[in-house]
């Protein structure tokens, strides 16, 4: 999608930093937006502290009616200051495919690049093929140490049985 058509599609959308007040709305949307077997547990991965402490690099998108359209929660690593990390991103199902996630990522890249980051990392589960395809299309490389159902992933990355695919992109 060209920059012009992305701009036109997003003209009625408002991009702004997250605030603590956004927490309940975002975690409330996750089960509906994901609709996966574990979608009820996914909000536990996004505690309020992200909205309190990473608002300068996290973004909320609202549509013209003020409804939640998308979000990206990310931060600059304290331990590796040259690395930005995308922790959670979501786009309302009826808005998918319009370049909104790409716009959120590009915004995040610019924010963390201005903070001195040279790389952005993210992870997903081996069963989340949509995320893997998106990250590949965004120029991320995939990492792992084992084949998990045909996908390169790290075994037990987040605990026993919690395998993850890692993504890295130089910015």
N, C-alpha and C. Protein backbone atom coordinates (compact mmCIF):
# COMPACT_ATOMS: atom_id res chain seq x y z
N UNK A 1 0.85 -1.18 0.00
CA UNK A 1 0.00 0.00 0.00
C UNK A 1 0.89 1.23 0.00
N UNK A 2 0.54 2.18 -0.83
CA UNK A 2 1.33 3.40 -0.88
C UNK A 2 1.10 4.23 0.36
N UNK A 3 2.05 5.12 0.64
CA UNK A 3 1.90 6.01 1.79
C UNK A 3 0.64 6.84 1.67
N UNK A 4 0.32 7.27 0.45
CA UNK A 4 -0.85 8.13 0.25
C UNK A 4 -2.13 7.37 0.57
N UNK A 5 -2.28 6.12 0.08
CA UNK A 5 -3.50 5.38 0.36
C UNK A 5 -3.58 5.00 1.83
N UNK A 6 -2.47 4.72 2.46
CA UNK A 6 -2.49 4.44 3.90
C UNK A 6 -2.94 5.68 4.66
N UNK A 7 -2.45 6.84 4.24
CA UNK A 7 -2.85 8.09 4.89
C UNK A 7 -4.35 8.33 4.73
N UNK A 8 -4.86 8.09 3.52
CA UNK A 8 -6.28 8.28 3.27
C UNK A 8 -7.12 7.34 4.12
N UNK A 9 -6.71 6.08 4.21
CA UNK A 9 -7.47 5.11 4.99
C UNK A 9 -7.44 5.43 6.48
N UNK A 10 -6.39 6.06 6.92
CA UNK A 10 -6.23 6.35 8.35
C UNK A 10 -6.60 7.79 8.70
N UNK A 11 -7.11 8.55 7.74
CA UNK A 11 -7.40 9.97 7.98
C UNK A 11 -8.38 10.19 9.12
N UNK A 12 -9.34 9.29 9.30
CA UNK A 12 -10.34 9.47 10.35
C UNK A 12 -9.90 8.85 11.68
N UNK A 13 -8.71 8.28 11.71
CA UNK A 13 -8.20 7.64 12.93
C UNK A 13 -7.32 8.60 13.71
N UNK A 14 -7.37 8.48 15.02
CA UNK A 14 -6.55 9.31 15.91
C UNK A 14 -5.52 8.41 16.58
N UNK A 15 -4.24 8.72 16.39
CA UNK A 15 -3.12 8.01 17.03
C UNK A 15 -2.68 8.87 18.20
N UNK A 16 -2.54 8.25 19.39
CA UNK A 16 -2.09 8.99 20.56
C UNK A 16 -1.39 8.05 21.51
N UNK A 17 -0.58 8.60 22.44
CA UNK A 17 0.06 7.75 23.45
C UNK A 17 -0.99 7.11 24.36
N UNK A 18 -0.68 5.90 24.84
CA UNK A 18 -1.59 5.26 25.79
C UNK A 18 -1.55 6.03 27.11
N UNK A 19 -2.62 5.89 27.87
CA UNK A 19 -2.67 6.40 29.24
C UNK A 19 -3.14 5.25 30.11
N UNK A 20 -2.97 5.40 31.39
CA UNK A 20 -3.42 4.37 32.32
C UNK A 20 -4.92 4.10 32.18
N UNK A 21 -5.68 5.13 31.84
CA UNK A 21 -7.13 4.98 31.66
C UNK A 21 -7.49 4.04 30.51
N UNK A 22 -6.56 3.80 29.59
CA UNK A 22 -6.82 2.92 28.44
C UNK A 22 -6.73 1.43 28.79
N UNK A 23 -6.16 1.11 29.92
CA UNK A 23 -5.89 -0.28 30.26
C UNK A 23 -7.13 -1.17 30.17
N UNK A 24 -8.19 -0.83 30.86
CA UNK A 24 -9.38 -1.69 30.90
C UNK A 24 -9.98 -1.88 29.51
N UNK A 25 -10.00 -0.83 28.73
CA UNK A 25 -10.56 -0.91 27.38
C UNK A 25 -9.74 -1.84 26.49
N UNK A 26 -8.43 -1.75 26.58
CA UNK A 26 -7.58 -2.59 25.75
C UNK A 26 -7.68 -4.06 26.18
N UNK A 27 -7.52 -4.35 27.47
CA UNK A 27 -7.57 -5.76 27.89
C UNK A 27 -8.98 -6.33 27.69
N UNK A 28 -9.99 -5.48 27.74
CA UNK A 28 -11.35 -5.94 27.48
C UNK A 28 -11.57 -6.33 26.03
N UNK A 29 -10.84 -5.72 25.12
CA UNK A 29 -10.98 -6.01 23.69
C UNK A 29 -10.23 -7.28 23.27
N UNK A 30 -9.22 -7.65 24.00
CA UNK A 30 -8.34 -8.74 23.57
C UNK A 30 -9.10 -10.05 23.34
N UNK A 31 -9.92 -10.56 24.26
CA UNK A 31 -10.60 -11.84 23.98
C UNK A 31 -11.47 -11.79 22.72
N UNK A 32 -12.17 -10.69 22.51
CA UNK A 32 -13.03 -10.57 21.33
C UNK A 32 -12.19 -10.48 20.05
N UNK A 33 -11.12 -9.71 20.08
CA UNK A 33 -10.31 -9.52 18.88
C UNK A 33 -9.53 -10.77 18.51
N UNK A 34 -9.06 -11.54 19.50
CA UNK A 34 -8.23 -12.71 19.21
C UNK A 34 -9.07 -13.94 18.93
N UNK A 35 -10.08 -14.19 19.71
CA UNK A 35 -10.95 -15.35 19.58
C UNK A 35 -10.18 -16.65 19.34
N UNK A 36 -9.23 -16.90 20.21
CA UNK A 36 -8.47 -18.14 20.18
C UNK A 36 -8.77 -18.91 21.46
N UNK A 37 -8.39 -20.19 21.53
CA UNK A 37 -8.70 -20.97 22.74
C UNK A 37 -8.16 -20.35 24.03
N UNK A 38 -7.04 -19.64 23.97
CA UNK A 38 -6.46 -19.04 25.19
C UNK A 38 -6.73 -17.55 25.29
N UNK A 39 -7.67 -17.02 24.50
CA UNK A 39 -7.86 -15.57 24.45
C UNK A 39 -8.33 -14.99 25.79
N UNK A 40 -8.96 -15.78 26.63
CA UNK A 40 -9.39 -15.27 27.94
C UNK A 40 -8.18 -15.02 28.85
N UNK A 41 -7.09 -15.76 28.65
CA UNK A 41 -5.89 -15.59 29.48
C UNK A 41 -4.95 -14.52 28.93
N UNK A 42 -5.09 -14.15 27.66
CA UNK A 42 -4.18 -13.20 27.05
C UNK A 42 -4.11 -11.85 27.77
N UNK A 43 -5.22 -11.30 28.28
CA UNK A 43 -5.11 -10.02 28.98
C UNK A 43 -4.14 -10.04 30.17
N UNK A 44 -3.88 -11.22 30.72
CA UNK A 44 -2.93 -11.32 31.83
C UNK A 44 -1.52 -10.95 31.40
N UNK A 45 -1.26 -11.00 30.09
CA UNK A 45 0.06 -10.64 29.56
C UNK A 45 0.24 -9.13 29.43
N UNK A 46 -0.81 -8.38 29.75
CA UNK A 46 -0.76 -6.93 29.56
C UNK A 46 -1.24 -6.21 30.83
N UNK A 47 -0.46 -6.31 31.91
CA UNK A 47 -0.87 -5.64 33.15
C UNK A 47 -0.81 -4.11 33.03
N UNK A 48 -1.47 -3.46 33.93
CA UNK A 48 -1.58 -2.00 33.96
C UNK A 48 -0.22 -1.32 33.93
N UNK A 49 0.81 -1.94 34.46
CA UNK A 49 2.13 -1.30 34.53
C UNK A 49 2.63 -0.86 33.16
N UNK A 50 2.25 -1.56 32.10
CA UNK A 50 2.68 -1.15 30.76
C UNK A 50 2.08 0.21 30.39
N UNK A 51 0.87 0.46 30.85
CA UNK A 51 0.20 1.72 30.54
C UNK A 51 0.69 2.84 31.45
N UNK A 52 1.24 2.48 32.58
CA UNK A 52 1.79 3.46 33.51
C UNK A 52 3.21 3.87 33.15
N UNK A 53 4.01 2.91 32.68
CA UNK A 53 5.44 3.14 32.55
C UNK A 53 5.98 3.19 31.12
N UNK A 54 5.17 2.85 30.13
CA UNK A 54 5.67 2.83 28.75
C UNK A 54 4.77 3.62 27.81
N UNK A 55 4.14 4.67 28.32
CA UNK A 55 3.21 5.45 27.50
C UNK A 55 3.92 6.24 26.39
N UNK A 56 5.19 6.54 26.58
CA UNK A 56 5.89 7.33 25.55
C UNK A 56 6.19 6.53 24.29
N UNK A 57 6.15 5.21 24.37
CA UNK A 57 6.43 4.38 23.19
C UNK A 57 5.28 3.42 22.88
N UNK A 58 4.14 3.63 23.49
CA UNK A 58 2.96 2.80 23.24
C UNK A 58 1.85 3.69 22.69
N UNK A 59 1.05 3.13 21.79
CA UNK A 59 0.08 3.93 21.05
C UNK A 59 -1.30 3.31 21.06
N UNK A 60 -2.30 4.17 21.20
CA UNK A 60 -3.71 3.82 21.05
C UNK A 60 -4.19 4.46 19.75
N UNK A 61 -5.04 3.76 19.03
CA UNK A 61 -5.68 4.32 17.85
C UNK A 61 -7.19 4.25 18.07
N UNK A 62 -7.85 5.38 17.85
CA UNK A 62 -9.30 5.44 17.99
C UNK A 62 -9.91 5.83 16.65
N UNK A 63 -11.10 5.31 16.38
CA UNK A 63 -11.78 5.68 15.15
C UNK A 63 -12.52 6.99 15.35
N UNK A 64 -13.22 7.45 14.32
CA UNK A 64 -13.91 8.72 14.38
C UNK A 64 -14.99 8.80 15.44
N UNK A 65 -15.47 7.64 15.92
CA UNK A 65 -16.48 7.59 16.97
C UNK A 65 -15.86 7.43 18.36
N UNK A 66 -14.53 7.47 18.44
CA UNK A 66 -13.84 7.32 19.71
C UNK A 66 -13.71 5.87 20.17
N UNK A 67 -14.06 4.92 19.29
CA UNK A 67 -13.93 3.50 19.64
C UNK A 67 -12.49 3.04 19.41
N UNK A 68 -12.06 2.08 20.21
CA UNK A 68 -10.73 1.52 20.08
C UNK A 68 -10.59 0.84 18.72
N UNK A 69 -9.61 1.26 17.95
CA UNK A 69 -9.36 0.70 16.63
C UNK A 69 -8.13 -0.19 16.62
N UNK A 70 -7.12 0.16 17.41
CA UNK A 70 -5.87 -0.60 17.44
C UNK A 70 -5.01 -0.10 18.60
N UNK A 71 -3.97 -0.87 18.90
CA UNK A 71 -3.02 -0.45 19.92
C UNK A 71 -1.70 -1.17 19.70
N UNK A 72 -0.64 -0.55 20.18
CA UNK A 72 0.68 -1.18 20.23
C UNK A 72 1.29 -0.79 21.56
N UNK A 73 1.74 -1.80 22.30
CA UNK A 73 2.44 -1.58 23.55
C UNK A 73 3.87 -2.05 23.36
N UNK A 74 4.80 -1.10 23.47
CA UNK A 74 6.20 -1.42 23.27
C UNK A 74 7.07 -0.50 24.11
N UNK A 75 8.35 -0.85 24.21
CA UNK A 75 9.25 -0.08 25.06
C UNK A 75 10.69 -0.26 24.62
N UNK A 76 11.52 0.59 25.12
CA UNK A 76 12.97 0.49 24.95
C UNK A 76 13.48 -0.38 26.09
N UNK A 77 14.33 -1.33 25.78
CA UNK A 77 14.88 -2.24 26.79
C UNK A 77 15.79 -1.49 27.76
N UNK A 78 15.60 -1.73 29.04
CA UNK A 78 16.48 -1.17 30.07
C UNK A 78 17.84 -1.86 30.04
N UNK A 79 17.83 -3.17 29.80
CA UNK A 79 19.08 -3.95 29.83
C UNK A 79 19.86 -3.85 28.53
N UNK A 80 19.16 -3.64 27.44
CA UNK A 80 19.78 -3.52 26.12
C UNK A 80 19.24 -2.24 25.46
N UNK A 81 19.78 -1.08 25.82
CA UNK A 81 19.21 0.19 25.36
C UNK A 81 19.17 0.37 23.85
N UNK A 82 19.88 -0.47 23.11
CA UNK A 82 19.83 -0.37 21.65
C UNK A 82 18.67 -1.17 21.06
N UNK A 83 17.85 -1.79 21.94
CA UNK A 83 16.76 -2.66 21.50
C UNK A 83 15.41 -2.10 21.94
N UNK A 84 14.48 -2.04 20.98
CA UNK A 84 13.09 -1.77 21.28
C UNK A 84 12.35 -3.10 21.26
N UNK A 85 11.29 -3.19 22.04
CA UNK A 85 10.55 -4.45 22.13
C UNK A 85 9.06 -4.18 21.97
N UNK A 86 8.43 -4.85 21.00
CA UNK A 86 6.99 -4.77 20.83
C UNK A 86 6.40 -5.90 21.67
N UNK A 87 5.69 -5.52 22.72
CA UNK A 87 5.14 -6.51 23.65
C UNK A 87 3.77 -7.02 23.22
N UNK A 88 2.92 -6.15 22.75
CA UNK A 88 1.55 -6.55 22.39
C UNK A 88 1.02 -5.57 21.36
N UNK A 89 0.36 -6.09 20.34
CA UNK A 89 -0.24 -5.24 19.32
C UNK A 89 -1.54 -5.88 18.87
N UNK A 90 -2.53 -5.04 18.63
CA UNK A 90 -3.81 -5.56 18.16
C UNK A 90 -4.52 -4.56 17.27
N UNK A 91 -5.25 -5.09 16.31
CA UNK A 91 -6.07 -4.28 15.41
C UNK A 91 -7.47 -4.87 15.42
N UNK A 92 -8.46 -4.03 15.57
CA UNK A 92 -9.84 -4.48 15.57
C UNK A 92 -10.11 -5.28 14.29
N UNK A 93 -10.78 -6.42 14.39
CA UNK A 93 -10.93 -7.30 13.22
C UNK A 93 -11.48 -6.63 11.96
N UNK A 94 -12.41 -5.71 12.08
CA UNK A 94 -12.98 -5.08 10.88
C UNK A 94 -12.02 -4.08 10.23
N UNK A 95 -10.90 -3.77 10.88
CA UNK A 95 -9.93 -2.83 10.32
C UNK A 95 -8.65 -3.51 9.84
N UNK A 96 -8.58 -4.83 9.97
CA UNK A 96 -7.38 -5.55 9.55
C UNK A 96 -7.22 -5.51 8.04
N UNK A 97 -5.97 -5.51 7.61
CA UNK A 97 -5.67 -5.52 6.19
C UNK A 97 -5.58 -4.13 5.57
N UNK A 98 -5.76 -3.09 6.37
CA UNK A 98 -5.73 -1.72 5.85
C UNK A 98 -4.40 -1.02 6.14
N UNK A 99 -3.41 -1.75 6.65
CA UNK A 99 -2.11 -1.15 6.91
C UNK A 99 -1.98 -0.50 8.28
N UNK A 100 -2.96 -0.70 9.15
CA UNK A 100 -2.93 -0.06 10.45
C UNK A 100 -1.82 -0.61 11.34
N UNK A 101 -1.64 -1.93 11.36
CA UNK A 101 -0.55 -2.51 12.15
C UNK A 101 0.80 -2.03 11.63
N UNK A 102 0.94 -1.97 10.33
CA UNK A 102 2.19 -1.47 9.73
C UNK A 102 2.44 -0.03 10.19
N UNK A 103 1.40 0.79 10.19
CA UNK A 103 1.54 2.19 10.64
C UNK A 103 1.96 2.25 12.10
N UNK A 104 1.39 1.39 12.93
CA UNK A 104 1.77 1.36 14.34
C UNK A 104 3.24 0.97 14.50
N UNK A 105 3.67 -0.04 13.77
CA UNK A 105 5.07 -0.47 13.85
C UNK A 105 6.01 0.62 13.36
N UNK A 106 5.67 1.26 12.25
CA UNK A 106 6.54 2.32 11.72
C UNK A 106 6.64 3.47 12.73
N UNK A 107 5.54 3.79 13.37
CA UNK A 107 5.56 4.83 14.40
C UNK A 107 6.47 4.41 15.56
N UNK A 108 6.35 3.15 15.98
CA UNK A 108 7.19 2.64 17.06
C UNK A 108 8.67 2.66 16.66
N UNK A 109 8.97 2.23 15.43
CA UNK A 109 10.35 2.25 14.96
C UNK A 109 10.93 3.66 15.09
N UNK A 110 10.17 4.66 14.65
CA UNK A 110 10.65 6.05 14.72
C UNK A 110 10.85 6.48 16.17
N UNK A 111 9.93 6.10 17.05
CA UNK A 111 10.04 6.49 18.47
C UNK A 111 11.30 5.91 19.11
N UNK A 112 11.51 4.60 18.93
CA UNK A 112 12.66 4.00 19.60
C UNK A 112 13.97 4.32 18.89
N UNK A 113 13.92 4.56 17.59
CA UNK A 113 15.14 5.00 16.88
C UNK A 113 15.59 6.34 17.46
N UNK A 114 14.64 7.22 17.76
CA UNK A 114 14.97 8.52 18.35
C UNK A 114 15.56 8.36 19.75
N UNK A 115 15.30 7.23 20.39
CA UNK A 115 15.86 6.94 21.72
C UNK A 115 17.20 6.20 21.63
N UNK A 116 17.67 5.97 20.41
CA UNK A 116 18.96 5.31 20.22
C UNK A 116 18.89 3.83 19.90
N UNK A 117 17.71 3.29 19.70
CA UNK A 117 17.60 1.86 19.36
C UNK A 117 18.01 1.62 17.92
N UNK A 118 18.59 0.45 17.72
CA UNK A 118 19.00 0.04 16.38
C UNK A 118 18.31 -1.24 15.94
N UNK A 119 17.53 -1.83 16.87
CA UNK A 119 16.89 -3.11 16.59
C UNK A 119 15.56 -3.16 17.33
N UNK A 120 14.59 -3.90 16.76
CA UNK A 120 13.32 -4.14 17.42
C UNK A 120 13.09 -5.65 17.46
N UNK A 121 12.66 -6.14 18.61
CA UNK A 121 12.35 -7.55 18.82
C UNK A 121 10.89 -7.72 19.17
N UNK A 122 10.38 -8.92 18.94
CA UNK A 122 9.02 -9.30 19.33
C UNK A 122 8.96 -10.82 19.37
N UNK A 123 7.88 -11.37 19.90
CA UNK A 123 7.69 -12.82 19.92
C UNK A 123 6.22 -13.15 19.64
N UNK A 124 5.98 -14.40 19.29
CA UNK A 124 4.62 -14.94 19.19
C UNK A 124 4.69 -16.44 19.38
N UNK A 125 3.54 -17.06 19.45
CA UNK A 125 3.48 -18.52 19.55
C UNK A 125 3.63 -19.16 18.19
N UNK A 126 4.09 -20.41 18.14
CA UNK A 126 4.28 -21.08 16.86
C UNK A 126 2.98 -21.30 16.08
N UNK A 127 1.85 -21.27 16.76
CA UNK A 127 0.57 -21.46 16.08
C UNK A 127 0.01 -20.17 15.49
N UNK A 128 0.61 -19.02 15.79
CA UNK A 128 0.10 -17.75 15.32
C UNK A 128 0.72 -17.41 13.95
N UNK A 129 0.18 -18.07 12.94
CA UNK A 129 0.72 -17.90 11.59
C UNK A 129 0.50 -16.49 11.05
N UNK A 130 -0.62 -15.87 11.41
CA UNK A 130 -0.89 -14.51 10.94
C UNK A 130 0.19 -13.56 11.43
N UNK A 131 0.59 -13.69 12.70
CA UNK A 131 1.65 -12.83 13.24
C UNK A 131 2.98 -13.11 12.54
N UNK A 132 3.28 -14.38 12.30
CA UNK A 132 4.53 -14.72 11.64
C UNK A 132 4.58 -14.13 10.23
N UNK A 133 3.49 -14.24 9.49
CA UNK A 133 3.44 -13.69 8.13
C UNK A 133 3.59 -12.17 8.16
N UNK A 134 2.90 -11.52 9.11
CA UNK A 134 2.99 -10.07 9.22
C UNK A 134 4.43 -9.64 9.50
N UNK A 135 5.07 -10.27 10.48
CA UNK A 135 6.43 -9.88 10.84
C UNK A 135 7.42 -10.12 9.71
N UNK A 136 7.25 -11.22 8.98
CA UNK A 136 8.10 -11.46 7.81
C UNK A 136 7.91 -10.33 6.80
N UNK A 137 6.66 -9.96 6.54
CA UNK A 137 6.36 -8.90 5.58
C UNK A 137 6.93 -7.56 6.03
N UNK A 138 7.08 -7.37 7.33
CA UNK A 138 7.64 -6.13 7.88
C UNK A 138 9.17 -6.15 7.90
N UNK A 139 9.78 -7.24 7.44
CA UNK A 139 11.24 -7.30 7.37
C UNK A 139 11.91 -7.92 8.57
N UNK A 140 11.15 -8.52 9.47
CA UNK A 140 11.73 -9.19 10.63
C UNK A 140 12.29 -10.54 10.22
N UNK A 141 13.36 -10.97 10.89
CA UNK A 141 13.84 -12.33 10.74
C UNK A 141 13.30 -13.15 11.89
N UNK A 142 13.04 -14.42 11.62
CA UNK A 142 12.45 -15.33 12.61
C UNK A 142 13.56 -16.14 13.25
N UNK A 143 13.44 -16.35 14.57
CA UNK A 143 14.43 -17.15 15.28
C UNK A 143 13.79 -18.28 16.06
N UNK A 144 14.58 -19.30 16.30
CA UNK A 144 14.16 -20.45 17.07
C UNK A 144 15.27 -21.48 17.10
N UNK A 145 15.09 -22.53 17.89
CA UNK A 145 16.11 -23.57 17.98
C UNK A 145 15.58 -24.96 17.61
N UNK A 146 14.26 -25.05 17.34
CA UNK A 146 13.64 -26.34 17.09
C UNK A 146 12.45 -26.17 16.16
N UNK A 147 12.15 -27.22 15.41
CA UNK A 147 10.94 -27.24 14.61
C UNK A 147 9.76 -27.63 15.51
N UNK A 148 8.77 -26.74 15.59
CA UNK A 148 7.56 -27.01 16.36
C UNK A 148 6.40 -26.99 15.37
N UNK A 149 5.91 -28.16 15.02
CA UNK A 149 4.81 -28.27 14.05
C UNK A 149 5.11 -27.50 12.77
N UNK A 150 6.33 -27.63 12.27
CA UNK A 150 6.71 -27.00 11.02
C UNK A 150 7.15 -25.55 11.12
N UNK A 151 7.28 -25.05 12.35
CA UNK A 151 7.65 -23.66 12.57
C UNK A 151 8.92 -23.61 13.43
N UNK A 152 9.88 -22.79 13.04
CA UNK A 152 11.08 -22.59 13.84
C UNK A 152 10.71 -21.81 15.09
N UNK A 153 10.96 -22.39 16.27
CA UNK A 153 10.59 -21.75 17.54
C UNK A 153 11.56 -22.21 18.63
N UNK A 154 11.55 -21.46 19.73
CA UNK A 154 12.34 -21.84 20.91
C UNK A 154 11.44 -22.63 21.85
N UNK A 155 11.89 -23.85 22.18
CA UNK A 155 11.14 -24.68 23.12
C UNK A 155 11.16 -24.08 24.52
N UNK A 156 10.02 -24.12 25.17
CA UNK A 156 9.89 -23.70 26.58
C UNK A 156 10.39 -22.28 26.84
N UNK A 157 10.32 -21.42 25.85
CA UNK A 157 10.82 -20.04 25.94
C UNK A 157 10.20 -19.30 27.12
N UNK A 158 8.91 -19.46 27.32
CA UNK A 158 8.21 -18.78 28.42
C UNK A 158 7.71 -19.75 29.48
N UNK A 159 8.40 -20.87 29.62
CA UNK A 159 8.01 -21.88 30.60
C UNK A 159 7.70 -23.19 29.90
N UNK A 160 7.51 -24.22 30.68
CA UNK A 160 7.28 -25.56 30.16
C UNK A 160 6.09 -25.57 29.20
N UNK A 161 6.36 -25.96 27.98
CA UNK A 161 5.32 -26.05 26.96
C UNK A 161 4.95 -24.73 26.31
N UNK A 162 5.59 -23.64 26.73
CA UNK A 162 5.28 -22.31 26.19
C UNK A 162 6.35 -21.92 25.17
N UNK A 163 6.26 -22.51 23.99
CA UNK A 163 7.22 -22.28 22.92
C UNK A 163 6.94 -20.93 22.26
N UNK A 164 7.99 -20.28 21.76
CA UNK A 164 7.83 -18.98 21.12
C UNK A 164 8.72 -18.85 19.89
N UNK A 165 8.20 -18.11 18.92
CA UNK A 165 8.94 -17.69 17.74
C UNK A 165 9.43 -16.29 18.04
N UNK A 166 10.70 -16.04 17.79
CA UNK A 166 11.23 -14.69 18.03
C UNK A 166 11.38 -13.97 16.69
N UNK A 167 11.25 -12.64 16.75
CA UNK A 167 11.38 -11.79 15.58
C UNK A 167 12.39 -10.70 15.91
N UNK A 168 13.25 -10.39 14.95
CA UNK A 168 14.23 -9.31 15.10
C UNK A 168 14.30 -8.53 13.79
N UNK A 169 14.37 -7.21 13.93
CA UNK A 169 14.52 -6.36 12.75
C UNK A 169 15.47 -5.21 13.10
N UNK A 170 16.44 -5.00 12.23
CA UNK A 170 17.31 -3.83 12.35
C UNK A 170 16.50 -2.64 11.85
N UNK A 171 16.58 -1.51 12.60
CA UNK A 171 15.81 -0.33 12.18
C UNK A 171 16.75 0.79 11.77
